[in-house]
C-alpha atoms as a PDB file:
ATOM      1  CA  MET A   1      10.369   9.754  15.860  1.00  0.00           C
ATOM      2  CA  SER A   2       8.223  11.045  18.620  1.00  0.00           C
ATOM      3  CA  ASN A   3       6.508  13.863  16.727  1.00  0.00           C
ATOM      4  CA  ARG A   4       5.176  12.613  13.422  1.00  0.00           C
ATOM      5  CA  SER A   5       2.244  14.970  12.987  1.00  0.00           C
ATOM      6  CA  GLY A   6       2.391  17.446  10.159  1.00  0.00           C
ATOM      7  CA  ASN A   7       4.858  15.362   8.145  1.00  0.00           C
ATOM      8  CA  PRO A   8       3.475  14.648   4.626  1.00  0.00           C
ATOM      9  CA  TRP A   9       5.156  11.219   4.506  1.00  0.00           C
ATOM     10  CA  GLU A  10       3.590  10.260   7.836  1.00  0.00           C
ATOM     11  CA  THR A  11       0.201  11.585   6.740  1.00  0.00           C
ATOM     12  CA  ALA A  12       0.297   9.516   3.534  1.00  0.00           C
ATOM     13  CA  PHE A  13       1.552   6.467   5.459  1.00  0.00           C
ATOM     14  CA  ALA A  14      -1.268   6.682   8.004  1.00  0.00           C
ATOM     15  CA  ALA A  15      -3.893   7.203   5.293  1.00  0.00           C
ATOM     16  CA  LEU A  16      -2.629   4.248   3.286  1.00  0.00           C
ATOM     17  CA  LYS A  17      -2.538   2.040   6.358  1.00  0.00           C
ATOM     18  CA  VAL A  18      -6.228   2.744   6.899  1.00  0.00           C
ATOM     19  CA  ARG A  19      -7.163   2.421   3.215  1.00  0.00           C
ATOM     20  CA  ILE A  20      -5.617  -1.037   2.884  1.00  0.00           C
ATOM     21  CA  GLY A  21      -8.654  -2.300   4.795  1.00  0.00           C
ATOM     22  CA  GLU A  22     -10.862  -1.184   1.891  1.00  0.00           C
ATOM     23  CA  MET A  23      -9.617  -4.144  -0.144  1.00  0.00           C
ATOM     24  CA  ALA A  24     -11.633  -6.557   2.013  1.00  0.00           C
ATOM     25  CA  GLN A  25     -14.936  -5.252   0.647  1.00  0.00           C
ATOM     26  CA  TYR A  26     -14.115  -6.827  -2.735  1.00  0.00           C
ATOM     27  CA  GLN A  27     -13.010 -10.254  -1.554  1.00  0.00           C
ATOM     28  CA  GLY A  28     -15.308 -12.945  -2.911  1.00  0.00           C
ATOM     29  CA  LYS A  29     -17.129 -10.438  -5.133  1.00  0.00           C
ATOM     30  CA  LEU A  30     -14.874  -9.844  -8.142  1.00  0.00           C
ATOM     31  CA  GLY A  31     -16.910 -12.122 -10.389  1.00  0.00           C
ATOM     32  CA  GLU A  32     -20.203 -10.404  -9.559  1.00  0.00           C
ATOM     33  CA  SER A  33     -19.828  -7.632 -12.137  1.00  0.00           C
ATOM     34  CA  SER A  34     -17.347  -5.847 -14.322  1.00  0.00           C
ATOM     35  CA  THR A  35     -17.920  -2.726 -12.223  1.00  0.00           C
ATOM     36  CA  MET A  36     -16.928  -4.552  -9.039  1.00  0.00           C
ATOM     37  CA  LEU A  37     -13.779  -5.883 -10.703  1.00  0.00           C
ATOM     38  CA  ALA A  38     -12.876  -2.473 -12.134  1.00  0.00           C
ATOM     39  CA  GLN A  39     -13.357  -0.749  -8.773  1.00  0.00           C
ATOM     40  CA  CYS A  40     -11.148  -3.306  -7.047  1.00  0.00           C
ATOM     41  CA  LEU A  41      -8.425  -2.986  -9.681  1.00  0.00           C
ATOM     42  CA  MET A  42      -8.516   0.813  -9.473  1.00  0.00           C
ATOM     43  CA  LEU A  43      -8.256   0.712  -5.686  1.00  0.00           C
ATOM     44  CA  SER A  44      -5.385  -1.750  -5.869  1.00  0.00           C
ATOM     45  CA  ASP A  45      -3.550   0.457  -8.380  1.00  0.00           C
ATOM     46  CA  THR A  46      -4.128   3.596  -6.315  1.00  0.00           C
ATOM     47  CA  LEU A  47      -2.915   2.004  -3.094  1.00  0.00           C
ATOM     48  CA  GLY A  48       0.050   0.467  -4.890  1.00  0.00           C
ATOM     49  CA  MET A  49       1.111   3.851  -6.298  1.00  0.00           C
ATOM     50  CA  ILE A  50       0.939   5.466  -2.876  1.00  0.00           C
ATOM     51  CA  ALA A  51       2.931   2.616  -1.310  1.00  0.00           C
ATOM     52  CA  HIS A  52       5.502   2.888  -4.082  1.00  0.00           C
ATOM     53  CA  ARG A  53       5.953   6.632  -3.518  1.00  0.00           C
ATOM     54  CA  LEU A  54       6.415   6.124   0.222  1.00  0.00           C
ATOM     55  CA  TYR A  55       8.969   3.390  -0.395  1.00  0.00           C
ATOM     56  CA  VAL A  56      10.902   5.340  -3.028  1.00  0.00           C
ATOM     57  CA  TYR A  57      11.060   8.489  -0.906  1.00  0.00           C
ATOM     58  CA  ALA A  58      12.413   6.632   2.092  1.00  0.00           C
ATOM     59  CA  ASN A  59      14.949   4.635   0.119  1.00  0.00           C
ATOM     60  CA  LEU A  60      16.229   7.479  -2.044  1.00  0.00           C
ATOM     61  CA  ASN A  61      16.883   9.454   1.112  1.00  0.00           C
ATOM     62  CA  LEU A  62      18.522   6.424   2.674  1.00  0.00           C
ATOM     63  CA  ASP A  63      20.764   6.093  -0.381  1.00  0.00           C
ATOM     64  CA  GLU A  64      22.084   9.584   0.307  1.00  0.00           C
ATOM     65  CA  ASP A  65      23.459   8.472   3.662  1.00  0.00           C
ATOM     66  CA  ASN A  66      22.872   4.999   5.104  1.00  0.00           C
ATOM     67  CA  ARG A  67      23.728   6.224   8.575  1.00  0.00           C
ATOM     68  CA  VAL A  68      20.551   8.311   8.924  1.00  0.00           C
ATOM     69  CA  SER A  69      18.356   6.172  11.131  1.00  0.00           C
ATOM     70  CA  LYS A  70      15.237   8.182  10.288  1.00  0.00           C
ATOM     71  CA  TYR A  71      15.318   6.934   6.695  1.00  0.00           C
ATOM     72  CA  GLN A  72      16.225   3.402   7.761  1.00  0.00           C
ATOM     73  CA  GLU A  73      13.078   3.410   9.866  1.00  0.00           C
ATOM     74  CA  LEU A  74      10.944   4.893   7.070  1.00  0.00           C
ATOM     75  CA  GLY A  75      12.249   2.285   4.636  1.00  0.00           C
ATOM     76  CA  ASP A  76      11.455  -0.528   7.047  1.00  0.00           C
ATOM     77  CA  ARG A  77       7.972   0.826   7.664  1.00  0.00           C
ATOM     78  CA  ALA A  78       7.332   1.254   3.932  1.00  0.00           C
ATOM     79  CA  ARG A  79       8.385  -2.358   3.293  1.00  0.00           C
ATOM     80  CA  MET A  80       6.051  -3.578   6.038  1.00  0.00           C
ATOM     81  CA  LEU A  81       3.205  -1.561   4.558  1.00  0.00           C
ATOM     82  CA  TYR A  82       3.911  -3.034   1.118  1.00  0.00           C
ATOM     83  CA  SER A  83       3.696  -6.471   2.728  1.00  0.00           C
ATOM     84  CA  ASP A  84       0.367  -5.580   4.345  1.00  0.00           C
ATOM     85  CA  LEU A  85      -0.952  -4.391   0.992  1.00  0.00           C
ATOM     86  CA  GLY A  86       0.192  -7.627  -0.630  1.00  0.00           C
ATOM     87  CA  GLN A  87      -1.617  -9.676   1.985  1.00  0.00           C
ATOM     88  CA  ALA A  88      -4.781  -7.602   1.668  1.00  0.00           C
ATOM     89  CA  SER A  89      -4.861  -8.016  -2.107  1.00  0.00           C
ATOM     90  CA  ALA A  90      -3.680 -11.642  -2.315  1.00  0.00           C
ATOM     91  CA  PHE A  91      -7.207 -12.823  -3.048  1.00  0.00           C
ATOM     92  CA  MET A  92      -7.381 -10.896  -6.327  1.00  0.00           C
ATOM     93  CA  GLU A  93      -5.414 -13.075  -8.739  1.00  0.00           C
ATOM     94  CA  PRO A  94      -6.918 -16.426  -7.734  1.00  0.00           C
ATOM     95  CA  GLU A  95     -10.380 -14.885  -7.770  1.00  0.00           C
ATOM     96  CA  ILE A  96      -9.894 -13.292 -11.194  1.00  0.00           C
ATOM     97  CA  LEU A  97      -8.707 -16.625 -12.579  1.00  0.00           C
ATOM     98  CA  THR A  98     -12.018 -18.228 -11.595  1.00  0.00           C
ATOM     99  CA  ILE A  99     -14.102 -15.699 -13.569  1.00  0.00           C
ATOM    100  CA  PRO A 100     -15.442 -17.375 -16.734  1.00  0.00           C
END
């Protein structure tokens, strides 16, 4: 895939990849206020929905024909991005559990 510009999937993928870094601003701060917690949860939900759409698109197309390497690659990239999102948000549950 040498030319990825102009492709809506690629645009969403690139935007999500950048936005995953936004999760770090909430680490260690979820117990500070209900607003902080709500903002973090909303961001997590938003990023998760985008990641899910990217994954579903790639895999539904792959299900049409497993021989199409383009969709194999998109599926692999979507799974890696899901993993990155999981790592970036891994602090949430343990931190929420410590809130009185």
